[in-house]
């Protein structure tokens, strides 16, 4: 039996890899999970009622692109959030979570060649792992660009050699960044959009953490693209209710872009997609239309930022996140630190190298751990203090 070679060099996925590292050791205390970014705040209490009111919809096949009500709710949110008016029929589509869209965008939109050569897809490093797999699936070369303190924890795509940029067909970018919590400024977006226009590539903007931030609202790519008059086919936005509304299990995501972009992604989904059931689409439409719960959710995370700042005050290298709900903490070795924390305290964190690519000594996540601040505040306090006392004292 033969198997494809294109995935043969994939490393083990982050969380099975973590289980391999930790699970044959006993925890050194009461277990505190700080690995997976699974939101634990309450979602709107009326969501189950909406689902039940629309339960008859489970009987029918849901529309591939999302119901008219859901697409209208999505474009309404985009207008309020980014100040950009989009056509719900031609500019957006509902997704079964953003990972589906981030993968399918490469499948539907990236050509087989660029200037007669193998195409390149740019990825920040560290990165959300679907970027790499999407690149490999379309037989593109993923080029991992370090997003470190030297570049304000965002990738410097403009600093790449021209031969790589001439072959680039798409660039993934995550803002606010997972795991570092860095936010792309307007100037960063301007430079990236102009670079994409110069070298004729697409921007796949993953903005799933856009509604969790300290003080300033993160600038979105659609806002800047509209100001610049950029080609709408060049910019593709992804977002979801997972972090914004603590509804990761609802699987309501969105993709927004130019009409031809959405047409091609929609066509691929006609063959290979799995749209949300209609009762879930009805609930998602109401959640996208409501901002009260989002403001309350953000306030809880803002309290957690303060807790982290207090706990790690004076710790050398601590970088307060601008947004999102992760801490990207400097250590000597991420794997060794994660194992030490588990064996001595029961605190469970993710080695940064599991989110990055690079040989030993060249992996930008190697000297970091990622800590998810999703637990209730009392548990978060306890976990962060335990972590600090174990590895920084």
Foldseek 3Di string as FASTA:
>chain_A
DDDDPLCVPPDDAFPVVLCVLAVVFAFQADADEFADQQFDDDFDPCLVVLLVVVVVLLVDAADLFFDPLLLVLVQVLCCVQQVDHDDSVFFKGKALACLVVLLLLLVQFFDCWFPNHAAEEEEEFLHDVSNVVSCSVSPHHYDYFYQDVVNQRWGPPVPDDPVNLLRYAEYEGEACDPPAQGAQDLVNLVVVLVSCVVNVHAYEYEDAFQLAFAPDRGHDNVNSCVVVVGQQQRYKYKYACCLQRSPNVLSIMMIGTGRVSVVRSSVVCVPPNRDGRPSSSSSSSVSSNDCPNSVVSNVQLNVVLVLLCVLCPPQPPFDRRRTDFKGKAFAQFQSVLQNQNRNNPNYHWTQQQSSGDDDVVGRNRGGTIITGRNDHPVSSNVNSNSSCVRGPD
